[in-house]
Amino acid sequence: MLTAIHPKLPMRNKSATRNFYMNDLGFQEFGRTDVAGYLMVQKDNIQLHFFEFKALDPKENYGQVYIRTDAIDTLYQSLLDKKIRIHPNGPLETKPWGQKEFSLLDPDNNLLTFGQGL
């Protein structure tokens, strides 16, 4: 029986990725923190894993994660208050498929889309 999913996304620099997810988005590091080239972060019931890919060209990175929330308006406003850059094509809006969504990019151009059902 399946119980959870933990996406693995590429990162070029562990320190920059850790800083973005912990300081900007409010995640916490967990697991073995001394593993070179690997990072695990969590917030609430969400876990994201990152593997080092130093040769990654962010312009060619198509990593994407869809994260569901039950407080989309509060989350969006908190990011705006912290001056977190929202994707230019991803402001908070209601989509025709019955979701309210917004998107942002992490330092390696991994696309994070946050959504809540209407």
PDB file of N, CA and C in Angstrom:
ATOM      1  N   MET A   1       0.838  -1.179   0.000  1.00  0.00           N
ATOM      2  CA  MET A   1       0.000   0.000   0.000  1.00  0.00           C
ATOM      3  C   MET A   1       0.886   1.247   0.000  1.00  0.00           C
ATOM      4  N   LEU A   2       0.616   2.187  -0.874  1.00  0.00           N
ATOM      5  CA  LEU A   2       1.388   3.416  -0.962  1.00  0.00           C
ATOM      6  C   LEU A   2       0.975   4.373   0.156  1.00  0.00           C
ATOM      7  N   THR A   3       1.945   5.057   0.741  1.00  0.00           N
ATOM      8  CA  THR A   3       1.617   5.941   1.865  1.00  0.00           C
ATOM      9  C   THR A   3       2.095   7.380   1.687  1.00  0.00           C
ATOM     10  N   ALA A   4       3.080   7.629   0.861  1.00  0.00           N
ATOM     11  CA  ALA A   4       3.596   8.990   0.694  1.00  0.00           C
ATOM     12  C   ALA A   4       4.465   9.055  -0.541  1.00  0.00           C
ATOM     13  N   ILE A   5       4.755  10.263  -0.958  1.00  0.00           N
ATOM     14  CA  ILE A   5       5.691  10.480  -2.055  1.00  0.00           C
ATOM     15  C   ILE A   5       6.622  11.616  -1.656  1.00  0.00           C
ATOM     16  N   HIS A   6       7.891  11.466  -1.961  1.00  0.00           N
ATOM     17  CA  HIS A   6       8.889  12.474  -1.641  1.00  0.00           C
ATOM     18  C   HIS A   6       9.700  12.763  -2.900  1.00  0.00           C
ATOM     19  N   PRO A   7       9.320  13.801  -3.627  1.00  0.00           N
ATOM     20  CA  PRO A   7      10.022  14.124  -4.870  1.00  0.00           C
ATOM     21  C   PRO A   7      11.506  14.405  -4.630  1.00  0.00           C
ATOM     22  N   LYS A   8      12.324  14.029  -5.612  1.00  0.00           N
ATOM     23  CA  LYS A   8      13.757  14.308  -5.597  1.00  0.00           C
ATOM     24  C   LYS A   8      14.036  15.276  -6.742  1.00  0.00           C
ATOM     25  N   LEU A   9      14.572  16.431  -6.389  1.00  0.00           N
ATOM     26  CA  LEU A   9      14.834  17.480  -7.356  1.00  0.00           C
ATOM     27  C   LEU A   9      16.322  17.787  -7.408  1.00  0.00           C
ATOM     28  N   PRO A  10      16.808  18.261  -8.539  1.00  0.00           N
ATOM     29  CA  PRO A  10      18.225  18.602  -8.647  1.00  0.00           C
ATOM     30  C   PRO A  10      18.550  19.934  -7.975  1.00  0.00           C
ATOM     31  N   MET A  11      19.761  20.022  -7.454  1.00  0.00           N
ATOM     32  CA  MET A  11      20.272  21.277  -6.884  1.00  0.00           C
ATOM     33  C   MET A  11      21.737  21.414  -7.277  1.00  0.00           C
ATOM     34  N   ARG A  12      22.162  22.644  -7.497  1.00  0.00           N
ATOM     35  CA  ARG A  12      23.569  22.896  -7.804  1.00  0.00           C
ATOM     36  C   ARG A  12      24.376  23.156  -6.552  1.00  0.00           C
ATOM     37  N   ASN A  13      23.747  23.787  -5.566  1.00  0.00           N
ATOM     38  CA  ASN A  13      24.469  24.233  -4.384  1.00  0.00           C
ATOM     39  C   ASN A  13      23.609  23.960  -3.152  1.00  0.00           C
ATOM     40  N   LYS A  14      24.067  23.042  -2.314  1.00  0.00           N
ATOM     41  CA  LYS A  14      23.284  22.633  -1.144  1.00  0.00           C
ATOM     42  C   LYS A  14      22.990  23.804  -0.217  1.00  0.00           C
ATOM     43  N   SER A  15      23.959  24.667  -0.008  1.00  0.00           N
ATOM     44  CA  SER A  15      23.780  25.807   0.884  1.00  0.00           C
ATOM     45  C   SER A  15      22.705  26.763   0.358  1.00  0.00           C
ATOM     46  N   ALA A  16      22.730  27.066  -0.923  1.00  0.00           N
ATOM     47  CA  ALA A  16      21.734  27.969  -1.517  1.00  0.00           C
ATOM     48  C   ALA A  16      20.335  27.357  -1.471  1.00  0.00           C
ATOM     49  N   THR A  17      20.255  26.061  -1.751  1.00  0.00           N
ATOM     50  CA  THR A  17      18.965  25.373  -1.712  1.00  0.00           C
ATOM     51  C   THR A  17      18.428  25.339  -0.287  1.00  0.00           C
ATOM     52  N   ARG A  18      19.278  24.983   0.662  1.00  0.00           N
ATOM     53  CA  ARG A  18      18.885  24.955   2.075  1.00  0.00           C
ATOM     54  C   ARG A  18      18.384  26.336   2.507  1.00  0.00           C
ATOM     55  N   ASN A  19      19.118  27.371   2.164  1.00  0.00           N
ATOM     56  CA  ASN A  19      18.743  28.739   2.534  1.00  0.00           C
ATOM     57  C   ASN A  19      17.366  29.103   1.981  1.00  0.00           C
ATOM     58  N   PHE A  20      17.130  28.823   0.717  1.00  0.00           N
ATOM     59  CA  PHE A  20      15.854  29.172   0.090  1.00  0.00           C
ATOM     60  C   PHE A  20      14.694  28.450   0.777  1.00  0.00           C
ATOM     61  N   TYR A  21      14.816  27.148   0.926  1.00  0.00           N
ATOM     62  CA  TYR A  21      13.695  26.383   1.477  1.00  0.00           C
ATOM     63  C   TYR A  21      13.484  26.652   2.968  1.00  0.00           C
ATOM     64  N   MET A  22      14.560  26.822   3.712  1.00  0.00           N
ATOM     65  CA  MET A  22      14.414  27.045   5.147  1.00  0.00           C
ATOM     66  C   MET A  22      14.086  28.503   5.467  1.00  0.00           C
ATOM     67  N   ASN A  23      14.842  29.431   4.950  1.00  0.00           N
ATOM     68  CA  ASN A  23      14.658  30.835   5.311  1.00  0.00           C
ATOM     69  C   ASN A  23      13.519  31.507   4.548  1.00  0.00           C
ATOM     70  N   ASP A  24      13.370  31.189   3.267  1.00  0.00           N
ATOM     71  CA  ASP A  24      12.339  31.849   2.471  1.00  0.00           C
ATOM     72  C   ASP A  24      10.981  31.145   2.575  1.00  0.00           C
ATOM     73  N   LEU A  25      10.990  29.816   2.535  1.00  0.00           N
ATOM     74  CA  LEU A  25       9.727  29.082   2.506  1.00  0.00           C
ATOM     75  C   LEU A  25       9.335  28.452   3.842  1.00  0.00           C
ATOM     76  N   GLY A  26      10.212  28.483   4.841  1.00  0.00           N
ATOM     77  CA  GLY A  26       9.853  27.988   6.166  1.00  0.00           C
ATOM     78  C   GLY A  26       9.930  26.491   6.356  1.00  0.00           C
ATOM     79  N   PHE A  27      10.684  25.798   5.505  1.00  0.00           N
ATOM     80  CA  PHE A  27      10.896  24.363   5.688  1.00  0.00           C
ATOM     81  C   PHE A  27      11.948  24.153   6.775  1.00  0.00           C
ATOM     82  N   GLN A  28      12.047  22.921   7.252  1.00  0.00           N
ATOM     83  CA  GLN A  28      13.093  22.536   8.198  1.00  0.00           C
ATOM     84  C   GLN A  28      13.876  21.380   7.601  1.00  0.00           C
ATOM     85  N   GLU A  29      15.164  21.356   7.870  1.00  0.00           N
ATOM     86  CA  GLU A  29      15.998  20.238   7.425  1.00  0.00           C
ATOM     87  C   GLU A  29      15.741  19.048   8.343  1.00  0.00           C
ATOM     88  N   PHE A  30      15.779  17.854   7.776  1.00  0.00           N
ATOM     89  CA  PHE A  30      15.597  16.664   8.601  1.00  0.00           C
ATOM     90  C   PHE A  30      16.469  15.540   8.063  1.00  0.00           C
ATOM     91  N   GLY A  31      16.499  14.468   8.791  1.00  0.00           N
ATOM     92  CA  GLY A  31      17.303  13.315   8.386  1.00  0.00           C
ATOM     93  C   GLY A  31      18.773  13.579   8.632  1.00  0.00           C
ATOM     94  N   ARG A  32      19.604  12.829   7.953  1.00  0.00           N
ATOM     95  CA  ARG A  32      21.062  13.002   8.063  1.00  0.00           C
ATOM     96  C   ARG A  32      21.454  14.282   7.354  1.00  0.00           C
ATOM     97  N   THR A  33      21.921  15.249   8.090  1.00  0.00           N
ATOM     98  CA  THR A  33      22.284  16.551   7.516  1.00  0.00           C
ATOM     99  C   THR A  33      23.731  16.609   7.059  1.00  0.00           C
ATOM    100  N   ASP A  34      24.501  15.576   7.377  1.00  0.00           N
ATOM    101  CA  ASP A  34      25.925  15.584   7.042  1.00  0.00           C
ATOM    102  C   ASP A  34      26.244  14.826   5.757  1.00  0.00           C
ATOM    103  N   VAL A  35      25.232  14.431   5.015  1.00  0.00           N
ATOM    104  CA  VAL A  35      25.457  13.700   3.769  1.00  0.00           C
ATOM    105  C   VAL A  35      25.799  14.700   2.669  1.00  0.00           C
ATOM    106  N   ALA A  36      26.983  14.553   2.115  1.00  0.00           N
ATOM    107  CA  ALA A  36      27.414  15.457   1.041  1.00  0.00           C
ATOM    108  C   ALA A  36      26.532  15.261  -0.183  1.00  0.00           C
ATOM    109  N   GLY A  37      26.117  16.354  -0.784  1.00  0.00           N
ATOM    110  CA  GLY A  37      25.388  16.275  -2.046  1.00  0.00           C
ATOM    111  C   GLY A  37      23.946  15.838  -1.930  1.00  0.00           C
ATOM    112  N   TYR A  38      23.395  15.822  -0.727  1.00  0.00           N
ATOM    113  CA  TYR A  38      21.992  15.422  -0.571  1.00  0.00           C
ATOM    114  C   TYR A  38      21.364  16.267   0.527  1.00  0.00           C
ATOM    115  N   LEU A  39      20.109  16.654   0.329  1.00  0.00           N
ATOM    116  CA  LEU A  39      19.394  17.499   1.273  1.00  0.00           C
ATOM    117  C   LEU A  39      17.949  17.037   1.349  1.00  0.00           C
ATOM    118  N   MET A  40      17.412  16.988   2.565  1.00  0.00           N
ATOM    119  CA  MET A  40      15.999  16.665   2.773  1.00  0.00           C
ATOM    120  C   MET A  40      15.401  17.778   3.631  1.00  0.00           C
ATOM    121  N   VAL A  41      14.251  18.304   3.185  1.00  0.00           N
ATOM    122  CA  VAL A  41      13.549  19.337   3.937  1.00  0.00           C
ATOM    123  C   VAL A  41      12.086  18.935   4.082  1.00  0.00           C
ATOM    124  N   GLN A  42      11.463  19.460   5.123  1.00  0.00           N
ATOM    125  CA  GLN A  42      10.047  19.180   5.323  1.00  0.00           C
ATOM    126  C   GLN A  42       9.337  20.398   5.895  1.00  0.00           C
ATOM    127  N   LYS A  43       8.051  20.458   5.610  1.00  0.00           N
ATOM    128  CA  LYS A  43       7.166  21.470   6.187  1.00  0.00           C
ATOM    129  C   LYS A  43       5.794  20.831   6.268  1.00  0.00           C
ATOM    130  N   ASP A  44       5.232  20.844   7.458  1.00  0.00           N
ATOM    131  CA  ASP A  44       3.958  20.184   7.700  1.00  0.00           C
ATOM    132  C   ASP A  44       4.080  18.721   7.249  1.00  0.00           C
ATOM    133  N   ASN A  45       3.261  18.271   6.304  1.00  0.00           N
ATOM    134  CA  ASN A  45       3.312  16.879   5.849  1.00  0.00           C
ATOM    135  C   ASN A  45       4.058  16.707   4.527  1.00  0.00           C
ATOM    136  N   ILE A  46       4.793  17.743   4.107  1.00  0.00           N
ATOM    137  CA  ILE A  46       5.490  17.718   2.821  1.00  0.00           C
ATOM    138  C   ILE A  46       6.985  17.502   3.039  1.00  0.00           C
ATOM    139  N   GLN A  47       7.545  16.568   2.290  1.00  0.00           N
ATOM    140  CA  GLN A  47       8.991  16.359   2.277  1.00  0.00           C
ATOM    141  C   GLN A  47       9.486  16.503   0.844  1.00  0.00           C
ATOM    142  N   LEU A  48      10.597  17.216   0.696  1.00  0.00           N
ATOM    143  CA  LEU A  48      11.273  17.323  -0.587  1.00  0.00           C
ATOM    144  C   LEU A  48      12.714  16.888  -0.392  1.00  0.00           C
ATOM    145  N   HIS A  49      13.220  16.132  -1.349  1.00  0.00           N
ATOM    146  CA  HIS A  49      14.605  15.679  -1.326  1.00  0.00           C
ATOM    147  C   HIS A  49      15.327  16.320  -2.512  1.00  0.00           C
ATOM    148  N   PHE A  50      16.611  16.595  -2.326  1.00  0.00           N
ATOM    149  CA  PHE A  50      17.425  17.219  -3.370  1.00  0.00           C
ATOM    150  C   PHE A  50      18.726  16.464  -3.525  1.00  0.00           C
ATOM    151  N   PHE A  51      19.128  16.246  -4.760  1.00  0.00           N
ATOM    152  CA  PHE A  51      20.410  15.622  -5.052  1.00  0.00           C
ATOM    153  C   PHE A  51      21.299  16.622  -5.777  1.00  0.00           C
ATOM    154  N   GLU A  52      22.576  16.560  -5.470  1.00  0.00           N
ATOM    155  CA  GLU A  52      23.528  17.485  -6.070  1.00  0.00           C
ATOM    156  C   GLU A  52      23.719  17.180  -7.553  1.00  0.00           C
ATOM    157  N   PHE A  53      23.619  18.225  -8.361  1.00  0.00           N
ATOM    158  CA  PHE A  53      23.836  18.140  -9.801  1.00  0.00           C
ATOM    159  C   PHE A  53      24.529  19.439 -10.201  1.00  0.00           C
ATOM    160  N   LYS A  54      25.841  19.483  -9.950  1.00  0.00           N
ATOM    161  CA  LYS A  54      26.616  20.705 -10.150  1.00  0.00           C
ATOM    162  C   LYS A  54      26.591  21.211 -11.588  1.00  0.00           C
ATOM    163  N   ALA A  55      26.473  20.314 -12.557  1.00  0.00           N
ATOM    164  CA  ALA A  55      26.485  20.714 -13.964  1.00  0.00           C
ATOM    165  C   ALA A  55      25.100  21.137 -14.465  1.00  0.00           C
ATOM    166  N   LEU A  56      24.125  21.190 -13.599  1.00  0.00           N
ATOM    167  CA  LEU A  56      22.769  21.560 -14.003  1.00  0.00           C
ATOM    168  C   LEU A  56      22.747  22.954 -14.604  1.00  0.00           C
ATOM    169  N   ASP A  57      22.130  23.072 -15.748  1.00  0.00           N
ATOM    170  CA  ASP A  57      21.867  24.377 -16.352  1.00  0.00           C
ATOM    171  C   ASP A  57      20.427  24.724 -15.986  1.00  0.00           C
ATOM    172  N   PRO A  58      20.216  25.706 -15.106  1.00  0.00           N
ATOM    173  CA  PRO A  58      18.852  26.021 -14.673  1.00  0.00           C
ATOM    174  C   PRO A  58      17.889  26.300 -15.820  1.00  0.00           C
ATOM    175  N   LYS A  59      18.392  26.824 -16.927  1.00  0.00           N
ATOM    176  CA  LYS A  59      17.524  27.100 -18.078  1.00  0.00           C
ATOM    177  C   LYS A  59      17.022  25.819 -18.736  1.00  0.00           C
ATOM    178  N   GLU A  60      17.663  24.693 -18.430  1.00  0.00           N
ATOM    179  CA  GLU A  60      17.259  23.407 -19.000  1.00  0.00           C
ATOM    180  C   GLU A  60      16.664  22.472 -17.947  1.00  0.00           C
ATOM    181  N   ASN A  61      16.360  23.008 -16.780  1.00  0.00           N
ATOM    182  CA  ASN A  61      15.788  22.192 -15.711  1.00  0.00           C
ATOM    183  C   ASN A  61      14.267  22.239 -15.788  1.00  0.00           C
ATOM    184  N   TYR A  62      13.663  21.057 -15.841  1.00  0.00           N
ATOM    185  CA  TYR A  62      12.217  20.963 -15.921  1.00  0.00           C
ATOM    186  C   TYR A  62      11.622  20.299 -14.678  1.00  0.00           C
ATOM    187  N   GLY A  63      12.382  20.330 -13.549  1.00  0.00           N
ATOM    188  CA  GLY A  63      11.872  19.774 -12.304  1.00  0.00           C
ATOM    189  C   GLY A  63      10.631  20.536 -11.860  1.00  0.00           C
ATOM    190  N   GLN A  64       9.592  19.782 -11.474  1.00  0.00           N
ATOM    191  CA  GLN A  64       8.338  20.400 -11.061  1.00  0.00           C
ATOM    192  C   GLN A  64       7.712  19.598  -9.933  1.00  0.00           C
ATOM    193  N   VAL A  65       7.067  20.309  -9.011  1.00  0.00           N
ATOM    194  CA  VAL A  65       6.340  19.666  -7.922  1.00  0.00           C
ATOM    195  C   VAL A  65       5.031  20.425  -7.732  1.00  0.00           C
ATOM    196  N   TYR A  66       3.954  19.686  -7.543  1.00  0.00           N
ATOM    197  CA  TYR A  66       2.655  20.288  -7.232  1.00  0.00           C
ATOM    198  C   TYR A  66       2.376  20.003  -5.764  1.00  0.00           C
ATOM    199  N   ILE A  67       2.196  21.057  -4.979  1.00  0.00           N
ATOM    200  CA  ILE A  67       2.008  20.925  -3.533  1.00  0.00           C
ATOM    201  C   ILE A  67       0.616  21.432  -3.176  1.00  0.00           C
ATOM    202  N   ARG A  68      -0.176  20.559  -2.590  1.00  0.00           N
ATOM    203  CA  ARG A  68      -1.522  20.953  -2.173  1.00  0.00           C
ATOM    204  C   ARG A  68      -1.477  21.610  -0.796  1.00  0.00           C
ATOM    205  N   THR A  69      -2.368  22.574  -0.617  1.00  0.00           N
ATOM    206  CA  THR A  69      -2.474  23.287   0.648  1.00  0.00           C
ATOM    207  C   THR A  69      -3.943  23.494   0.985  1.00  0.00           C
ATOM    208  N   ASP A  70      -4.222  23.747   2.245  1.00  0.00           N
ATOM    209  CA  ASP A  70      -5.588  24.067   2.644  1.00  0.00           C
ATOM    210  C   ASP A  70      -5.700  25.531   3.082  1.00  0.00           C
ATOM    211  N   ALA A  71      -4.663  26.317   2.771  1.00  0.00           N
ATOM    212  CA  ALA A  71      -4.637  27.737   3.139  1.00  0.00           C
ATOM    213  C   ALA A  71      -3.901  28.541   2.067  1.00  0.00           C
ATOM    214  N   ILE A  72      -4.356  28.440   0.833  1.00  0.00           N
ATOM    215  CA  ILE A  72      -3.643  29.040  -0.293  1.00  0.00           C
ATOM    216  C   ILE A  72      -3.514  30.556  -0.173  1.00  0.00           C
ATOM    217  N   ASP A  73      -4.565  31.236   0.257  1.00  0.00           N
ATOM    218  CA  ASP A  73      -4.515  32.698   0.353  1.00  0.00           C
ATOM    219  C   ASP A  73      -3.514  33.150   1.411  1.00  0.00           C
ATOM    220  N   THR A  74      -3.514  32.484   2.553  1.00  0.00           N
ATOM    221  CA  THR A  74      -2.587  32.819   3.636  1.00  0.00           C
ATOM    222  C   THR A  74      -1.151  32.550   3.220  1.00  0.00           C
ATOM    223  N   LEU A  75      -0.916  31.401   2.586  1.00  0.00           N
ATOM    224  CA  LEU A  75       0.424  31.052   2.125  1.00  0.00           C
ATOM    225  C   LEU A  75       0.923  32.070   1.103  1.00  0.00           C
ATOM    226  N   TYR A  76       0.097  32.383   0.140  1.00  0.00           N
ATOM    227  CA  TYR A  76       0.470  33.339  -0.904  1.00  0.00           C
ATOM    228  C   TYR A  76       0.826  34.699  -0.292  1.00  0.00           C
ATOM    229  N   GLN A  77      -0.029  35.186   0.596  1.00  0.00           N
ATOM    230  CA  GLN A  77       0.222  36.490   1.208  1.00  0.00           C
ATOM    231  C   GLN A  77       1.499  36.479   2.045  1.00  0.00           C
ATOM    232  N   SER A  78       1.758  35.371   2.751  1.00  0.00           N
ATOM    233  CA  SER A  78       2.977  35.294   3.561  1.00  0.00           C
ATOM    234  C   SER A  78       4.222  35.363   2.692  1.00  0.00           C
ATOM    235  N   LEU A  79       4.179  34.768   1.516  1.00  0.00           N
ATOM    236  CA  LEU A  79       5.322  34.831   0.600  1.00  0.00           C
ATOM    237  C   LEU A  79       5.483  36.236   0.024  1.00  0.00           C
ATOM    238  N   LEU A  80       4.370  36.870  -0.309  1.00  0.00           N
ATOM    239  CA  LEU A  80       4.442  38.254  -0.779  1.00  0.00           C
ATOM    240  C   LEU A  80       5.014  39.166   0.301  1.00  0.00           C
ATOM    241  N   ASP A  81       4.581  38.953   1.543  1.00  0.00           N
ATOM    242  CA  ASP A  81       5.078  39.763   2.656  1.00  0.00           C
ATOM    243  C   ASP A  81       6.583  39.605   2.839  1.00  0.00           C
ATOM    244  N   LYS A  82       7.099  38.401   2.547  1.00  0.00           N
ATOM    245  CA  LYS A  82       8.533  38.153   2.670  1.00  0.00           C
ATOM    246  C   LYS A  82       9.284  38.532   1.395  1.00  0.00           C
ATOM    247  N   LYS A  83       8.548  39.061   0.421  1.00  0.00           N
ATOM    248  CA  LYS A  83       9.111  39.485  -0.863  1.00  0.00           C
ATOM    249  C   LYS A  83       9.726  38.316  -1.651  1.00  0.00           C
ATOM    250  N   ILE A  84       9.093  37.148  -1.518  1.00  0.00           N
ATOM    251  CA  ILE A  84       9.487  35.981  -2.311  1.00  0.00           C
ATOM    252  C   ILE A  84       8.946  36.197  -3.719  1.00  0.00           C
ATOM    253  N   ARG A  85       9.799  35.994  -4.704  1.00  0.00           N
ATOM    254  CA  ARG A  85       9.418  36.248  -6.098  1.00  0.00           C
ATOM    255  C   ARG A  85       8.473  35.153  -6.597  1.00  0.00           C
ATOM    256  N   ILE A  86       7.277  35.549  -6.979  1.00  0.00           N
ATOM    257  CA  ILE A  86       6.292  34.652  -7.577  1.00  0.00           C
ATOM    258  C   ILE A  86       6.612  34.553  -9.067  1.00  0.00           C
ATOM    259  N   HIS A  87       6.431  33.375  -9.655  1.00  0.00           N
ATOM    260  CA  HIS A  87       6.703  33.198 -11.088  1.00  0.00           C
ATOM    261  C   HIS A  87       5.875  34.213 -11.880  1.00  0.00           C
ATOM    262  N   PRO A  88       6.487  34.875 -12.868  1.00  0.00           N
ATOM    263  CA  PRO A  88       5.752  35.895 -13.635  1.00  0.00           C
ATOM    264  C   PRO A  88       4.484  35.348 -14.294  1.00  0.00           C
ATOM    265  N   ASN A  89       4.477  34.073 -14.636  1.00  0.00           N
ATOM    266  CA  ASN A  89       3.289  33.469 -15.245  1.00  0.00           C
ATOM    267  C   ASN A  89       2.471  32.683 -14.227  1.00  0.00           C
ATOM    268  N   GLY A  90       2.766  32.860 -12.930  1.00  0.00           N
ATOM    269  CA  GLY A  90       2.109  32.041 -11.929  1.00  0.00           C
ATOM    270  C   GLY A  90       1.526  32.779 -10.748  1.00  0.00           C
ATOM    271  N   PRO A  91       0.911  33.959 -10.933  1.00  0.00           N
ATOM    272  CA  PRO A  91       0.289  34.613  -9.782  1.00  0.00           C
ATOM    273  C   PRO A  91      -0.923  33.814  -9.311  1.00  0.00           C
ATOM    274  N   LEU A  92      -1.355  34.079  -8.119  1.00  0.00           N
ATOM    275  CA  LEU A  92      -2.514  33.395  -7.557  1.00  0.00           C
ATOM    276  C   LEU A  92      -3.744  33.663  -8.411  1.00  0.00           C
ATOM    277  N   GLU A  93      -4.348  32.573  -8.876  1.00  0.00           N
ATOM    278  CA  GLU A  93      -5.569  32.697  -9.658  1.00  0.00           C
ATOM    279  C   GLU A  93      -6.356  31.400  -9.627  1.00  0.00           C
ATOM    280  N   THR A  94      -7.628  31.522  -9.919  1.00  0.00           N
ATOM    281  CA  THR A  94      -8.508  30.356  -9.988  1.00  0.00           C
ATOM    282  C   THR A  94      -8.413  29.776 -11.392  1.00  0.00           C
ATOM    283  N   LYS A  95      -8.171  28.482 -11.455  1.00  0.00           N
ATOM    284  CA  LYS A  95      -7.995  27.803 -12.735  1.00  0.00           C
ATOM    285  C   LYS A  95      -9.304  27.134 -13.165  1.00  0.00           C
ATOM    286  N   PRO A  96      -9.478  26.905 -14.472  1.00  0.00           N
ATOM    287  CA  PRO A  96     -10.713  26.286 -14.960  1.00  0.00           C
ATOM    288  C   PRO A  96     -10.911  24.853 -14.452  1.00  0.00           C
ATOM    289  N   TRP A  97      -9.845  24.214 -13.970  1.00  0.00           N
ATOM    290  CA  TRP A  97      -9.950  22.833 -13.492  1.00  0.00           C
ATOM    291  C   TRP A  97     -10.297  22.755 -12.003  1.00  0.00           C
ATOM    292  N   GLY A  98     -10.751  23.883 -11.433  1.00  0.00           N
ATOM    293  CA  GLY A  98     -11.261  23.867 -10.072  1.00  0.00           C
ATOM    294  C   GLY A  98     -10.218  23.983  -8.978  1.00  0.00           C
ATOM    295  N   GLN A  99      -9.079  24.567  -9.302  1.00  0.00           N
ATOM    296  CA  GLN A  99      -8.019  24.770  -8.315  1.00  0.00           C
ATOM    297  C   GLN A  99      -7.677  26.251  -8.268  1.00  0.00           C
ATOM    298  N   LYS A 100      -7.286  26.712  -7.099  1.00  0.00           N
ATOM    299  CA  LYS A 100      -6.702  28.042  -6.938  1.00  0.00           C
ATOM    300  C   LYS A 100      -5.214  27.792  -6.780  1.00  0.00           C
ATOM    301  N   GLU A 101      -4.374  28.422  -7.624  1.00  0.00           N
ATOM    302  CA  GLU A 101      -2.959  28.080  -7.695  1.00  0.00           C
ATOM    303  C   GLU A 101      -2.066  29.302  -7.835  1.00  0.00           C
ATOM    304  N   PHE A 102      -0.797  29.095  -7.465  1.00  0.00           N
ATOM    305  CA  PHE A 102       0.274  30.019  -7.801  1.00  0.00           C
ATOM    306  C   PHE A 102       1.564  29.221  -7.890  1.00  0.00           C
ATOM    307  N   SER A 103       2.580  29.807  -8.524  1.00  0.00           N
ATOM    308  CA  SER A 103       3.847  29.110  -8.740  1.00  0.00           C
ATOM    309  C   SER A 103       5.036  30.018  -8.454  1.00  0.00           C
ATOM    310  N   LEU A 104       6.146  29.386  -8.132  1.00  0.00           N
ATOM    311  CA  LEU A 104       7.415  30.089  -7.985  1.00  0.00           C
ATOM    312  C   LEU A 104       8.535  29.150  -8.389  1.00  0.00           C
ATOM    313  N   LEU A 105       9.718  29.718  -8.588  1.00  0.00           N
ATOM    314  CA  LEU A 105      10.896  28.943  -8.960  1.00  0.00           C
ATOM    315  C   LEU A 105      11.897  28.974  -7.820  1.00  0.00           C
ATOM    316  N   ASP A 106      12.553  27.841  -7.576  1.00  0.00           N
ATOM    317  CA  ASP A 106      13.618  27.814  -6.577  1.00  0.00           C
ATOM    318  C   ASP A 106      14.927  28.239  -7.255  1.00  0.00           C
ATOM    319  N   PRO A 107      16.041  28.277  -6.537  1.00  0.00           N
ATOM    320  CA  PRO A 107      17.295  28.764  -7.132  1.00  0.00           C
ATOM    321  C   PRO A 107      17.781  27.968  -8.345  1.00  0.00           C
ATOM    322  N   ASP A 108      17.281  26.760  -8.527  1.00  0.00           N
ATOM    323  CA  ASP A 108      17.708  25.935  -9.658  1.00  0.00           C
ATOM    324  C   ASP A 108      16.643  25.806 -10.732  1.00  0.00           C
ATOM    325  N   ASN A 109      15.620  26.647 -10.661  1.00  0.00           N
ATOM    326  CA  ASN A 109      14.497  26.656 -11.605  1.00  0.00           C
ATOM    327  C   ASN A 109      13.583  25.449 -11.469  1.00  0.00           C
ATOM    328  N   ASN A 110      13.584  24.786 -10.323  1.00  0.00           N
ATOM    329  CA  ASN A 110      12.544  23.792 -10.056  1.00  0.00           C
ATOM    330  C   ASN A 110      11.254  24.570  -9.833  1.00  0.00           C
ATOM    331  N   LEU A 111      10.202  24.203 -10.562  1.00  0.00           N
ATOM    332  CA  LEU A 111       8.924  24.891 -10.467  1.00  0.00           C
ATOM    333  C   LEU A 111       8.108  24.311  -9.324  1.00  0.00           C
ATOM    334  N   LEU A 112       7.717  25.166  -8.386  1.00  0.00           N
ATOM    335  CA  LEU A 112       6.864  24.762  -7.275  1.00  0.00           C
ATOM    336  C   LEU A 112       5.499  25.399  -7.505  1.00  0.00           C
ATOM    337  N   THR A 113       4.482  24.568  -7.693  1.00  0.00           N
ATOM    338  CA  THR A 113       3.123  25.059  -7.847  1.00  0.00           C
ATOM    339  C   THR A 113       2.351  24.648  -6.616  1.00  0.00           C
ATOM    340  N   PHE A 114       1.692  25.626  -6.004  1.00  0.00           N
ATOM    341  CA  PHE A 114       0.882  25.387  -4.817  1.00  0.00           C
ATOM    342  C   PHE A 114      -0.581  25.511  -5.229  1.00  0.00           C
ATOM    343  N   GLY A 115      -1.400  24.571  -4.783  1.00  0.00           N
ATOM    344  CA  GLY A 115      -2.794  24.595  -5.173  1.00  0.00           C
ATOM    345  C   GLY A 115      -3.740  24.155  -4.087  1.00  0.00           C
ATOM    346  N   GLN A 116      -4.959  24.668  -4.183  1.00  0.00           N
ATOM    347  CA  GLN A 116      -6.023  24.295  -3.259  1.00  0.00           C
ATOM    348  C   GLN A 116      -7.297  24.115  -4.070  1.00  0.00           C
ATOM    349  N   GLY A 117      -7.996  23.020  -3.807  1.00  0.00           N
ATOM    350  CA  GLY A 117      -9.272  22.784  -4.471  1.00  0.00           C
ATOM    351  C   GLY A 117     -10.320  23.777  -4.009  1.00  0.00           C
ATOM    352  N   LEU A 118     -11.215  24.112  -4.934  1.00  0.00           N
ATOM    353  CA  LEU A 118     -12.291  25.060  -4.605  1.00  0.00           C
ATOM    354  C   LEU A 118     -13.466  24.353  -3.968  1.00  0.00           C
TER     355      LEU A 118
END
